[in-house]
Amino acid sequence: MSSVRPNSAFVTLLTNPSYLPGVLVLHDSLARDQGDPPSAWDQGKFHTDRIGRQLTFPQIRYVEAMGPEPGKWSVAPSDSRFIDAWTKLRVFELYEYERVVLLDADMLVRKNMDELMDLELPGEDWIAGAHACACNPRKQKHYPVDWIPENCAHTPMIHPVCLKSPPQITSESPRPYGLINSGLVVCTPTPKLAEEIKNFLKTSPRIHEYAFADQDLISDFFTGRWMPLPYIYNALKTSRFTHPSMWRDDEVKCVHYVLDKPWMEKPTWESDAADAVHVTHGWWWEALGRLERRLKREDCLGLWDLVGPYLRVSV
């Protein structure tokens, strides 16, 4: 994708065909808000050759899976999706780019974010991103015990101050204040940084503690070297009801569909609950509708046919 900085890229990773609807909608939303025609994926990994043949964009990358050595890490069955998340660390190997913005495949861009390409970082070994939400609204028992609303960096945030002043990390901050959400990461890939991360993954004695795979590693590795961004760049859909003092629908630039994915079930509009996910999931389905119409106009029905099996409700 083109951007403000010439040698830069938005990047996502596809490891499972079931996430294809998310990747296609993400790409279309990026292109739409940049004013460019959808023309390039910057990274992809496909287990299905048929999908790889259909996605003929020029910048697909096939990458090897990445992760801890066998026996050093395990994950709760309900979080098996994190097994593939380690491979996101390959983003630091895209040395040909001066700036990369890594996006999870379950995101939707609602406003232009090109300013992230020109964001000044203190050094090449720094990253930027939004804080993880430590509220644990589903009360998952295997989550860290300090994941409670009182310790969440987003809890004290109030609109509109939060748009210019994201949570800051101090020596007095609760531990979760130091945790990034790796759904969006702004970075400068270099061989030195990539090698250090691979070595950290191989040698750190804390790998077995990481409940959130790459996210915990990135938070740990970049301690003291990550710049907090406002929530609008990585707006977790759950924050709409866990942090209503902060959230504003019209301010969100990029929605992150954590937990249940929107393509797994089309929302019913009968619900009038203010804290329901129906609104944010509805945004995704509206974007999917735009994508479907474009693919039909451009005679790309073969690609659309690949999406259908992974949608819970046909559109």
C-alpha atoms as a PDB file:
ATOM      1  CA  MET A   1       0.000   0.000   0.000  1.00  0.00           C
ATOM      2  CA  SER A   2       1.264   3.513  -0.757  1.00  0.00           C
ATOM      3  CA  SER A   3       1.600   5.983   2.086  1.00  0.00           C
ATOM      4  CA  VAL A   4       3.053   9.345   3.073  1.00  0.00           C
ATOM      5  CA  ARG A   5       6.563   8.023   3.644  1.00  0.00           C
ATOM      6  CA  PRO A   6       7.674   6.545   0.293  1.00  0.00           C
ATOM      7  CA  ASN A   7       9.358   3.427   1.631  1.00  0.00           C
ATOM      8  CA  SER A   8       6.681   2.220   4.033  1.00  0.00           C
ATOM      9  CA  ALA A   9       3.933  -0.375   4.238  1.00  0.00           C
ATOM     10  CA  PHE A  10       0.844  -1.512   6.064  1.00  0.00           C
ATOM     11  CA  VAL A  11       1.297  -5.213   6.792  1.00  0.00           C
ATOM     12  CA  THR A  12      -0.960  -8.035   7.887  1.00  0.00           C
ATOM     13  CA  LEU A  13      -0.522 -11.774   8.333  1.00  0.00           C
ATOM     14  CA  LEU A  14      -2.877 -14.508   7.189  1.00  0.00           C
ATOM     15  CA  THR A  15      -2.204 -17.964   8.613  1.00  0.00           C
ATOM     16  CA  ASN A  16      -5.656 -19.514   8.429  1.00  0.00           C
ATOM     17  CA  PRO A  17      -8.144 -19.426   5.534  1.00  0.00           C
ATOM     18  CA  SER A  18     -10.960 -18.727   7.996  1.00  0.00           C
ATOM     19  CA  TYR A  19      -9.503 -15.233   8.456  1.00  0.00           C
ATOM     20  CA  LEU A  20      -9.705 -14.465   4.733  1.00  0.00           C
ATOM     21  CA  PRO A  21     -12.877 -12.347   5.123  1.00  0.00           C
ATOM     22  CA  GLY A  22     -11.067 -10.237   7.700  1.00  0.00           C
ATOM     23  CA  VAL A  23      -7.984  -9.726   5.540  1.00  0.00           C
ATOM     24  CA  LEU A  24      -9.981  -8.761   2.453  1.00  0.00           C
ATOM     25  CA  VAL A  25     -12.145  -6.285   4.350  1.00  0.00           C
ATOM     26  CA  LEU A  26      -9.069  -4.830   6.086  1.00  0.00           C
ATOM     27  CA  HIS A  27      -7.304  -4.324   2.775  1.00  0.00           C
ATOM     28  CA  ASP A  28     -10.338  -2.762   1.150  1.00  0.00           C
ATOM     29  CA  SER A  29     -10.844  -0.401   4.095  1.00  0.00           C
ATOM     30  CA  LEU A  30      -7.199   0.683   3.967  1.00  0.00           C
ATOM     31  CA  ALA A  31      -7.329   1.334   0.237  1.00  0.00           C
ATOM     32  CA  ARG A  32     -10.633   3.171   0.506  1.00  0.00           C
ATOM     33  CA  ASP A  33      -9.365   5.564   3.154  1.00  0.00           C
ATOM     34  CA  GLN A  34      -6.105   6.147   1.297  1.00  0.00           C
ATOM     35  CA  GLY A  35      -7.905   6.914  -1.942  1.00  0.00           C
ATOM     36  CA  ASP A  36      -5.887   4.244  -3.772  1.00  0.00           C
ATOM     37  CA  PRO A  37      -7.184   1.224  -5.674  1.00  0.00           C
ATOM     38  CA  PRO A  38      -6.731  -2.031  -3.736  1.00  0.00           C
ATOM     39  CA  SER A  39      -3.635  -3.464  -5.342  1.00  0.00           C
ATOM     40  CA  ALA A  40      -1.152  -5.003  -2.934  1.00  0.00           C
ATOM     41  CA  TRP A  41      -0.821  -7.193   0.103  1.00  0.00           C
ATOM     42  CA  ASP A  42       2.385  -6.632   1.981  1.00  0.00           C
ATOM     43  CA  GLN A  43       2.626  -9.948   3.752  1.00  0.00           C
ATOM     44  CA  GLY A  44       0.699 -13.180   3.779  1.00  0.00           C
ATOM     45  CA  LYS A  45       1.070 -16.810   4.731  1.00  0.00           C
ATOM     46  CA  PHE A  46      -1.430 -19.231   3.305  1.00  0.00           C
ATOM     47  CA  HIS A  47      -2.042 -22.870   4.150  1.00  0.00           C
ATOM     48  CA  THR A  48      -4.368 -23.200   1.146  1.00  0.00           C
ATOM     49  CA  ASP A  49      -2.766 -23.118  -2.305  1.00  0.00           C
ATOM     50  CA  ARG A  50      -6.076 -22.177  -3.929  1.00  0.00           C
ATOM     51  CA  ILE A  51      -6.269 -19.012  -1.878  1.00  0.00           C
ATOM     52  CA  GLY A  52      -2.668 -18.202  -2.682  1.00  0.00           C
ATOM     53  CA  ARG A  53      -3.400 -18.509  -6.409  1.00  0.00           C
ATOM     54  CA  GLN A  54      -6.483 -16.289  -6.190  1.00  0.00           C
ATOM     55  CA  LEU A  55      -4.749 -13.525  -4.242  1.00  0.00           C
ATOM     56  CA  THR A  56      -2.641 -12.250  -7.105  1.00  0.00           C
ATOM     57  CA  PHE A  57      -1.608  -8.965  -5.508  1.00  0.00           C
ATOM     58  CA  PRO A  58       2.072  -8.287  -6.219  1.00  0.00           C
ATOM     59  CA  GLN A  59       3.374  -7.985  -2.672  1.00  0.00           C
ATOM     60  CA  ILE A  60       2.321 -11.231  -1.042  1.00  0.00           C
ATOM     61  CA  ARG A  61       5.077 -12.758   1.078  1.00  0.00           C
ATOM     62  CA  TYR A  62       5.151 -16.373   2.107  1.00  0.00           C
ATOM     63  CA  VAL A  63       6.844 -16.641   5.501  1.00  0.00           C
ATOM     64  CA  GLU A  64       7.873 -19.512   7.714  1.00  0.00           C
ATOM     65  CA  ALA A  65       5.977 -20.051  10.937  1.00  0.00           C
ATOM     66  CA  MET A  66       7.696 -18.717  14.044  1.00  0.00           C
ATOM     67  CA  GLY A  67       7.314 -19.608  17.684  1.00  0.00           C
ATOM     68  CA  PRO A  68       8.936 -20.857  20.888  1.00  0.00           C
ATOM     69  CA  GLU A  69      10.827 -24.107  20.955  1.00  0.00           C
ATOM     70  CA  PRO A  70       8.642 -27.156  21.688  1.00  0.00           C
ATOM     71  CA  GLY A  71       7.839 -27.578  25.365  1.00  0.00           C
ATOM     72  CA  LYS A  72       8.614 -23.978  26.337  1.00  0.00           C
ATOM     73  CA  TRP A  73       5.125 -22.534  25.919  1.00  0.00           C
ATOM     74  CA  SER A  74       1.535 -23.694  26.096  1.00  0.00           C
ATOM     75  CA  VAL A  75      -1.789 -21.976  25.600  1.00  0.00           C
ATOM     76  CA  ALA A  76      -5.306 -22.379  26.957  1.00  0.00           C
ATOM     77  CA  PRO A  77      -7.558 -24.297  24.526  1.00  0.00           C
ATOM     78  CA  SER A  78      -9.844 -21.281  24.247  1.00  0.00           C
ATOM     79  CA  ASP A  79      -6.889 -19.175  23.088  1.00  0.00           C
ATOM     80  CA  SER A  80      -5.500 -21.536  20.452  1.00  0.00           C
ATOM     81  CA  ARG A  81      -5.613 -18.647  17.960  1.00  0.00           C
ATOM     82  CA  PHE A  82      -2.465 -17.316  19.637  1.00  0.00           C
ATOM     83  CA  ILE A  83      -0.409 -20.239  18.338  1.00  0.00           C
ATOM     84  CA  ASP A  84      -0.059 -18.576  14.940  1.00  0.00           C
ATOM     85  CA  ALA A  85       0.319 -15.094  16.416  1.00  0.00           C
ATOM     86  CA  TRP A  86       4.019 -15.640  17.096  1.00  0.00           C
ATOM     87  CA  THR A  87       4.637 -15.422  13.347  1.00  0.00           C
ATOM     88  CA  LYS A  88       3.699 -11.742  13.472  1.00  0.00           C
ATOM     89  CA  LEU A  89       7.233 -11.212  14.785  1.00  0.00           C
ATOM     90  CA  ARG A  90       8.405 -11.723  11.187  1.00  0.00           C
ATOM     91  CA  VAL A  91       7.356  -8.126  10.590  1.00  0.00           C
ATOM     92  CA  PHE A  92      10.703  -7.016  11.996  1.00  0.00           C
ATOM     93  CA  GLU A  93      12.393  -8.795   9.061  1.00  0.00           C
ATOM     94  CA  LEU A  94      10.907  -6.487   6.405  1.00  0.00           C
ATOM     95  CA  TYR A  95      14.176  -4.571   6.146  1.00  0.00           C
ATOM     96  CA  GLU A  96      13.384  -3.011   2.776  1.00  0.00           C
ATOM     97  CA  TYR A  97      10.878  -0.722   4.480  1.00  0.00           C
ATOM     98  CA  GLU A  98      11.825   2.269   6.607  1.00  0.00           C
ATOM     99  CA  ARG A  99       8.454   2.176   8.352  1.00  0.00           C
ATOM    100  CA  VAL A 100       5.953  -0.640   8.807  1.00  0.00           C
ATOM    101  CA  VAL A 101       2.560  -0.591  10.493  1.00  0.00           C
ATOM    102  CA  LEU A 102       1.519  -4.103  11.453  1.00  0.00           C
ATOM    103  CA  LEU A 103      -2.236  -4.691  11.570  1.00  0.00           C
ATOM    104  CA  ASP A 104      -4.077  -7.775  12.758  1.00  0.00           C
ATOM    105  CA  ALA A 105      -6.337  -9.435  10.211  1.00  0.00           C
ATOM    106  CA  ASP A 106      -9.396  -8.791  12.399  1.00  0.00           C
ATOM    107  CA  MET A 107      -9.280  -5.005  12.094  1.00  0.00           C
ATOM    108  CA  LEU A 108     -11.272  -2.437  10.124  1.00  0.00           C
ATOM    109  CA  VAL A 109      -9.899   0.964   9.143  1.00  0.00           C
ATOM    110  CA  ARG A 110     -12.547   3.699   9.401  1.00  0.00           C
ATOM    111  CA  LYS A 111     -10.348   6.768   8.980  1.00  0.00           C
ATOM    112  CA  ASN A 112      -7.049   7.490   7.249  1.00  0.00           C
ATOM    113  CA  MET A 113      -4.020   6.618   9.411  1.00  0.00           C
ATOM    114  CA  ASP A 114      -1.174   7.692   7.140  1.00  0.00           C
ATOM    115  CA  GLU A 115       0.189   9.926   9.885  1.00  0.00           C
ATOM    116  CA  LEU A 116       1.564   6.770  11.525  1.00  0.00           C
ATOM    117  CA  MET A 117       4.021   6.491   8.656  1.00  0.00           C
ATOM    118  CA  ASP A 118       5.569   9.816   9.624  1.00  0.00           C
ATOM    119  CA  LEU A 119       5.368   9.347  13.386  1.00  0.00           C
ATOM    120  CA  GLU A 120       8.710  10.230  14.943  1.00  0.00           C
ATOM    121  CA  LEU A 121      10.054   7.446  17.159  1.00  0.00           C
ATOM    122  CA  PRO A 122      12.929   8.090  19.597  1.00  0.00           C
ATOM    123  CA  GLY A 123      15.066   5.469  17.855  1.00  0.00           C
ATOM    124  CA  GLU A 124      15.088   2.599  15.368  1.00  0.00           C
ATOM    125  CA  ASP A 125      14.733   0.168  18.245  1.00  0.00           C
ATOM    126  CA  TRP A 126      11.466   1.763  19.402  1.00  0.00           C
ATOM    127  CA  ILE A 127       7.881   0.890  18.503  1.00  0.00           C
ATOM    128  CA  ALA A 128       4.525   2.593  18.963  1.00  0.00           C
ATOM    129  CA  GLY A 129       1.114   1.157  19.747  1.00  0.00           C
ATOM    130  CA  ALA A 130      -1.942   1.413  21.969  1.00  0.00           C
ATOM    131  CA  HIS A 131      -2.216  -0.106  25.432  1.00  0.00           C
ATOM    132  CA  ALA A 132      -3.741  -3.499  26.056  1.00  0.00           C
ATOM    133  CA  CYS A 133      -7.089  -3.436  27.848  1.00  0.00           C
ATOM    134  CA  ALA A 134      -6.696  -5.266  31.156  1.00  0.00           C
ATOM    135  CA  CYS A 135     -10.375  -5.229  32.165  1.00  0.00           C
ATOM    136  CA  ASN A 136     -11.000  -8.896  31.306  1.00  0.00           C
ATOM    137  CA  PRO A 137     -14.754  -8.327  30.786  1.00  0.00           C
ATOM    138  CA  ARG A 138     -15.409 -12.035  30.248  1.00  0.00           C
ATOM    139  CA  LYS A 139     -13.690 -12.900  33.540  1.00  0.00           C
ATOM    140  CA  GLN A 140     -11.379 -15.438  31.939  1.00  0.00           C
ATOM    141  CA  LYS A 141      -9.835 -17.401  34.799  1.00  0.00           C
ATOM    142  CA  HIS A 142      -6.556 -18.065  33.004  1.00  0.00           C
ATOM    143  CA  TYR A 143      -5.867 -14.356  32.425  1.00  0.00           C
ATOM    144  CA  PRO A 144      -3.323 -12.661  34.728  1.00  0.00           C
ATOM    145  CA  VAL A 145      -4.723 -11.935  38.188  1.00  0.00           C
ATOM    146  CA  ASP A 146      -3.873  -8.236  37.875  1.00  0.00           C
ATOM    147  CA  TRP A 147      -6.079  -7.884  34.797  1.00  0.00           C
ATOM    148  CA  ILE A 148      -8.826  -5.891  36.478  1.00  0.00           C
ATOM    149  CA  PRO A 149     -10.416  -2.543  35.507  1.00  0.00           C
ATOM    150  CA  GLU A 150      -8.559  -0.710  38.272  1.00  0.00           C
ATOM    151  CA  ASN A 151      -5.249  -1.682  36.657  1.00  0.00           C
ATOM    152  CA  CYS A 152      -6.268  -0.969  33.058  1.00  0.00           C
ATOM    153  CA  ALA A 153      -4.462   1.948  31.421  1.00  0.00           C
ATOM    154  CA  HIS A 154      -7.659   2.970  29.612  1.00  0.00           C
ATOM    155  CA  THR A 155      -9.792   3.289  32.762  1.00  0.00           C
ATOM    156  CA  PRO A 156      -8.789   6.892  33.645  1.00  0.00           C
ATOM    157  CA  MET A 157      -9.031   8.057  30.033  1.00  0.00           C
ATOM    158  CA  ILE A 158     -11.709  10.656  29.255  1.00  0.00           C
ATOM    159  CA  HIS A 159     -12.778  12.129  25.929  1.00  0.00           C
ATOM    160  CA  PRO A 160     -11.500  14.359  24.372  1.00  0.00           C
ATOM    161  CA  VAL A 161      -8.254  14.510  26.371  1.00  0.00           C
ATOM    162  CA  CYS A 162      -7.523  10.875  25.511  1.00  0.00           C
ATOM    163  CA  LEU A 163      -7.214  11.772  21.811  1.00  0.00           C
ATOM    164  CA  LYS A 164      -4.052  13.791  22.435  1.00  0.00           C
ATOM    165  CA  SER A 165      -2.805  12.360  25.732  1.00  0.00           C
ATOM    166  CA  PRO A 166      -2.737   8.544  25.776  1.00  0.00           C
ATOM    167  CA  PRO A 167      -1.922   6.697  29.008  1.00  0.00           C
ATOM    168  CA  GLN A 168       1.638   7.238  30.152  1.00  0.00           C
ATOM    169  CA  ILE A 169       3.799   4.626  31.846  1.00  0.00           C
ATOM    170  CA  THR A 170       5.539   5.650  35.063  1.00  0.00           C
ATOM    171  CA  SER A 171       7.346   3.842  37.848  1.00  0.00           C
ATOM    172  CA  GLU A 172       4.127   4.004  39.876  1.00  0.00           C
ATOM    173  CA  SER A 173       1.915   2.496  37.169  1.00  0.00           C
ATOM    174  CA  PRO A 174       0.298  -0.926  37.684  1.00  0.00           C
ATOM    175  CA  ARG A 175       1.997  -3.682  35.689  1.00  0.00           C
ATOM    176  CA  PRO A 176      -0.683  -3.785  32.921  1.00  0.00           C
ATOM    177  CA  TYR A 177       0.147  -0.180  32.017  1.00  0.00           C
ATOM    178  CA  GLY A 178       3.319  -1.538  30.446  1.00  0.00           C
ATOM    179  CA  LEU A 179       1.459  -3.879  28.091  1.00  0.00           C
ATOM    180  CA  ILE A 180       0.897  -3.040  24.451  1.00  0.00           C
ATOM    181  CA  ASN A 181      -1.881  -4.527  22.355  1.00  0.00           C
ATOM    182  CA  SER A 182      -0.040  -5.963  19.369  1.00  0.00           C
ATOM    183  CA  GLY A 183      -3.001  -5.604  17.017  1.00  0.00           C
ATOM    184  CA  LEU A 184      -1.311  -2.464  15.682  1.00  0.00           C
ATOM    185  CA  VAL A 185       2.431  -1.945  15.960  1.00  0.00           C
ATOM    186  CA  VAL A 186       4.436   0.861  14.357  1.00  0.00           C
ATOM    187  CA  CYS A 187       8.046  -0.189  13.834  1.00  0.00           C
ATOM    188  CA  THR A 188      11.291   0.238  11.907  1.00  0.00           C
ATOM    189  CA  PRO A 189      12.506  -3.203  10.772  1.00  0.00           C
ATOM    190  CA  THR A 190      16.272  -3.754  10.929  1.00  0.00           C
ATOM    191  CA  PRO A 191      18.438  -6.899  10.819  1.00  0.00           C
ATOM    192  CA  LYS A 192      19.793  -6.107  14.285  1.00  0.00           C
ATOM    193  CA  LEU A 193      16.339  -5.762  15.808  1.00  0.00           C
ATOM    194  CA  ALA A 194      15.008  -8.893  14.116  1.00  0.00           C
ATOM    195  CA  GLU A 195      17.954 -10.951  15.331  1.00  0.00           C
ATOM    196  CA  GLU A 196      17.607  -9.652  18.888  1.00  0.00           C
ATOM    197  CA  ILE A 197      13.920 -10.564  18.933  1.00  0.00           C
ATOM    198  CA  LYS A 198      14.599 -14.069  17.628  1.00  0.00           C
ATOM    199  CA  ASN A 199      17.275 -14.528  20.273  1.00  0.00           C
ATOM    200  CA  PHE A 200      14.910 -13.238  22.969  1.00  0.00           C
ATOM    201  CA  LEU A 201      12.255 -15.713  21.851  1.00  0.00           C
ATOM    202  CA  LYS A 202      14.792 -18.522  22.048  1.00  0.00           C
ATOM    203  CA  THR A 203      16.468 -17.650  25.356  1.00  0.00           C
ATOM    204  CA  SER A 204      14.059 -15.701  27.575  1.00  0.00           C
ATOM    205  CA  PRO A 205      13.149 -17.668  30.720  1.00  0.00           C
ATOM    206  CA  ARG A 206       9.757 -15.929  30.787  1.00  0.00           C
ATOM    207  CA  ILE A 207       8.320 -17.347  27.565  1.00  0.00           C
ATOM    208  CA  HIS A 208       6.224 -19.878  29.485  1.00  0.00           C
ATOM    209  CA  GLU A 209       4.483 -16.993  31.292  1.00  0.00           C
ATOM    210  CA  TYR A 210       3.188 -15.371  28.112  1.00  0.00           C
ATOM    211  CA  ALA A 211      -0.576 -15.846  27.973  1.00  0.00           C
ATOM    212  CA  PHE A 212      -0.849 -13.665  24.864  1.00  0.00           C
ATOM    213  CA  ALA A 213       2.074 -14.948  22.798  1.00  0.00           C
ATOM    214  CA  ASP A 214       3.674 -12.239  20.628  1.00  0.00           C
ATOM    215  CA  GLN A 215       1.887  -9.475  22.522  1.00  0.00           C
ATOM    216  CA  ASP A 216       3.564 -10.351  25.806  1.00  0.00           C
ATOM    217  CA  LEU A 217       6.941 -10.804  24.136  1.00  0.00           C
ATOM    218  CA  ILE A 218       6.718  -7.426  22.415  1.00  0.00           C
ATOM    219  CA  SER A 219       5.702  -5.752  25.679  1.00  0.00           C
ATOM    220  CA  ASP A 220       8.584  -7.419  27.501  1.00  0.00           C
ATOM    221  CA  PHE A 221      11.238  -6.924  24.828  1.00  0.00           C
ATOM    222  CA  PHE A 222      10.373  -3.266  24.245  1.00  0.00           C
ATOM    223  CA  THR A 223      10.017  -2.288  27.904  1.00  0.00           C
ATOM    224  CA  GLY A 224      10.914   1.396  28.075  1.00  0.00           C
ATOM    225  CA  ARG A 225      11.026   1.555  24.275  1.00  0.00           C
ATOM    226  CA  TRP A 226       7.433   1.820  23.133  1.00  0.00           C
ATOM    227  CA  MET A 227       5.478   4.997  22.544  1.00  0.00           C
ATOM    228  CA  PRO A 228       1.816   4.894  23.632  1.00  0.00           C
ATOM    229  CA  LEU A 229      -0.747   5.821  20.981  1.00  0.00           C
ATOM    230  CA  PRO A 230      -4.343   6.962  21.558  1.00  0.00           C
ATOM    231  CA  TYR A 231      -6.891   4.156  21.620  1.00  0.00           C
ATOM    232  CA  ILE A 232      -8.415   5.304  18.310  1.00  0.00           C
ATOM    233  CA  TYR A 233      -5.646   3.538  16.362  1.00  0.00           C
ATOM    234  CA  ASN A 234      -6.426   0.175  17.960  1.00  0.00           C
ATOM    235  CA  ALA A 235      -9.948   0.526  19.297  1.00  0.00           C
ATOM    236  CA  LEU A 236     -10.858  -2.809  20.846  1.00  0.00           C
ATOM    237  CA  LYS A 237     -14.542  -3.402  20.178  1.00  0.00           C
ATOM    238  CA  THR A 238     -15.050  -4.259  23.861  1.00  0.00           C
ATOM    239  CA  SER A 239     -13.830  -0.787  24.857  1.00  0.00           C
ATOM    240  CA  ARG A 240     -17.090   0.622  23.554  1.00  0.00           C
ATOM    241  CA  PHE A 241     -18.766  -0.626  26.733  1.00  0.00           C
ATOM    242  CA  THR A 242     -15.829  -1.145  29.113  1.00  0.00           C
ATOM    243  CA  HIS A 243     -14.555   2.421  28.596  1.00  0.00           C
ATOM    244  CA  PRO A 244     -17.529   4.598  27.566  1.00  0.00           C
ATOM    245  CA  SER A 245     -15.899   7.749  28.981  1.00  0.00           C
ATOM    246  CA  MET A 246     -13.136   7.336  26.423  1.00  0.00           C
ATOM    247  CA  TRP A 247     -14.906   5.845  23.405  1.00  0.00           C
ATOM    248  CA  ARG A 248     -16.578   7.894  20.677  1.00  0.00           C
ATOM    249  CA  ASP A 249     -17.805   6.140  17.538  1.00  0.00           C
ATOM    250  CA  ASP A 250     -16.931   9.040  15.272  1.00  0.00           C
ATOM    251  CA  GLU A 251     -13.347   9.308  16.557  1.00  0.00           C
ATOM    252  CA  VAL A 252     -12.302   5.688  15.990  1.00  0.00           C
ATOM    253  CA  LYS A 253      -9.760   5.240  13.208  1.00  0.00           C
ATOM    254  CA  CYS A 254      -9.224   1.492  13.408  1.00  0.00           C
ATOM    255  CA  VAL A 255     -11.485  -1.072  15.098  1.00  0.00           C
ATOM    256  CA  HIS A 256      -9.983  -4.273  16.480  1.00  0.00           C
ATOM    257  CA  TYR A 257     -12.414  -7.196  16.588  1.00  0.00           C
ATOM    258  CA  VAL A 258     -10.937  -9.099  19.509  1.00  0.00           C
ATOM    259  CA  LEU A 259     -12.599 -12.294  20.744  1.00  0.00           C
ATOM    260  CA  ASP A 260     -15.568 -13.283  18.526  1.00  0.00           C
ATOM    261  CA  LYS A 261     -14.991 -12.355  14.898  1.00  0.00           C
ATOM    262  CA  PRO A 262     -17.704 -10.408  13.084  1.00  0.00           C
ATOM    263  CA  TRP A 263     -17.752 -12.703  10.072  1.00  0.00           C
ATOM    264  CA  MET A 264     -18.716 -15.626  12.289  1.00  0.00           C
ATOM    265  CA  GLU A 265     -22.209 -14.213  12.820  1.00  0.00           C
ATOM    266  CA  LYS A 266     -24.073 -11.356  11.173  1.00  0.00           C
ATOM    267  CA  PRO A 267     -25.528  -9.066  13.874  1.00  0.00           C
ATOM    268  CA  THR A 268     -29.242  -8.700  14.410  1.00  0.00           C
ATOM    269  CA  TRP A 269     -30.332  -5.100  14.506  1.00  0.00           C
ATOM    270  CA  GLU A 270     -33.237  -5.747  16.877  1.00  0.00           C
ATOM    271  CA  SER A 271     -30.920  -5.365  19.859  1.00  0.00           C
ATOM    272  CA  ASP A 272     -31.072  -1.912  21.453  1.00  0.00           C
ATOM    273  CA  ALA A 273     -28.463  -2.590  24.135  1.00  0.00           C
ATOM    274  CA  ALA A 274     -26.022   0.300  24.214  1.00  0.00           C
ATOM    275  CA  ASP A 275     -23.140  -1.971  25.158  1.00  0.00           C
ATOM    276  CA  ALA A 276     -23.797  -4.661  22.547  1.00  0.00           C
ATOM    277  CA  VAL A 277     -21.181  -5.445  19.915  1.00  0.00           C
ATOM    278  CA  HIS A 278     -23.882  -5.246  17.260  1.00  0.00           C
ATOM    279  CA  VAL A 279     -22.895  -1.701  16.320  1.00  0.00           C
ATOM    280  CA  THR A 280     -19.207  -2.376  15.736  1.00  0.00           C
ATOM    281  CA  HIS A 281     -19.920  -5.714  14.049  1.00  0.00           C
ATOM    282  CA  GLY A 282     -22.430  -3.880  11.886  1.00  0.00           C
ATOM    283  CA  TRP A 283     -19.642  -1.587  10.694  1.00  0.00           C
ATOM    284  CA  TRP A 284     -17.712  -4.634   9.522  1.00  0.00           C
ATOM    285  CA  TRP A 285     -20.672  -6.094   7.637  1.00  0.00           C
ATOM    286  CA  GLU A 286     -21.290  -2.754   5.945  1.00  0.00           C
ATOM    287  CA  ALA A 287     -17.649  -2.785   4.816  1.00  0.00           C
ATOM    288  CA  LEU A 288     -18.065  -6.354   3.591  1.00  0.00           C
ATOM    289  CA  GLY A 289     -21.076  -5.276   1.542  1.00  0.00           C
ATOM    290  CA  ARG A 290     -18.993  -2.573  -0.141  1.00  0.00           C
ATOM    291  CA  LEU A 291     -16.272  -5.118  -0.864  1.00  0.00           C
ATOM    292  CA  GLU A 292     -18.774  -7.550  -2.380  1.00  0.00           C
ATOM    293  CA  ARG A 293     -20.164  -4.895  -4.691  1.00  0.00           C
ATOM    294  CA  ARG A 294     -16.672  -3.898  -5.821  1.00  0.00           C
ATOM    295  CA  LEU A 295     -15.596  -7.472  -6.499  1.00  0.00           C
ATOM    296  CA  LYS A 296     -18.720  -8.058  -8.559  1.00  0.00           C
ATOM    297  CA  ARG A 297     -18.144  -4.871 -10.555  1.00  0.00           C
ATOM    298  CA  GLU A 298     -14.563  -5.900 -11.232  1.00  0.00           C
ATOM    299  CA  ASP A 299     -15.545  -9.468 -12.117  1.00  0.00           C
ATOM    300  CA  CYS A 300     -13.610 -10.951  -9.192  1.00  0.00           C
ATOM    301  CA  LEU A 301     -16.290 -13.461  -8.265  1.00  0.00           C
ATOM    302  CA  GLY A 302     -13.689 -16.206  -7.913  1.00  0.00           C
ATOM    303  CA  LEU A 303     -12.207 -14.330  -4.978  1.00  0.00           C
ATOM    304  CA  TRP A 304     -15.646 -13.675  -3.507  1.00  0.00           C
ATOM    305  CA  ASP A 305     -16.429 -17.393  -3.733  1.00  0.00           C
ATOM    306  CA  LEU A 306     -13.460 -18.056  -1.454  1.00  0.00           C
ATOM    307  CA  VAL A 307     -14.919 -15.771   1.202  1.00  0.00           C
ATOM    308  CA  GLY A 308     -18.389 -17.317   1.304  1.00  0.00           C
ATOM    309  CA  PRO A 309     -17.576 -20.526   3.219  1.00  0.00           C
ATOM    310  CA  TYR A 310     -16.224 -18.508   6.153  1.00  0.00           C
ATOM    311  CA  LEU A 311     -19.253 -16.235   6.574  1.00  0.00           C
ATOM    312  CA  ARG A 312     -21.850 -17.420   9.056  1.00  0.00           C
ATOM    313  CA  VAL A 313     -24.608 -15.602   7.171  1.00  0.00           C
ATOM    314  CA  SER A 314     -24.577 -14.973   3.415  1.00  0.00           C
ATOM    315  CA  VAL A 315     -24.844 -11.378   2.281  1.00  0.00           C
END
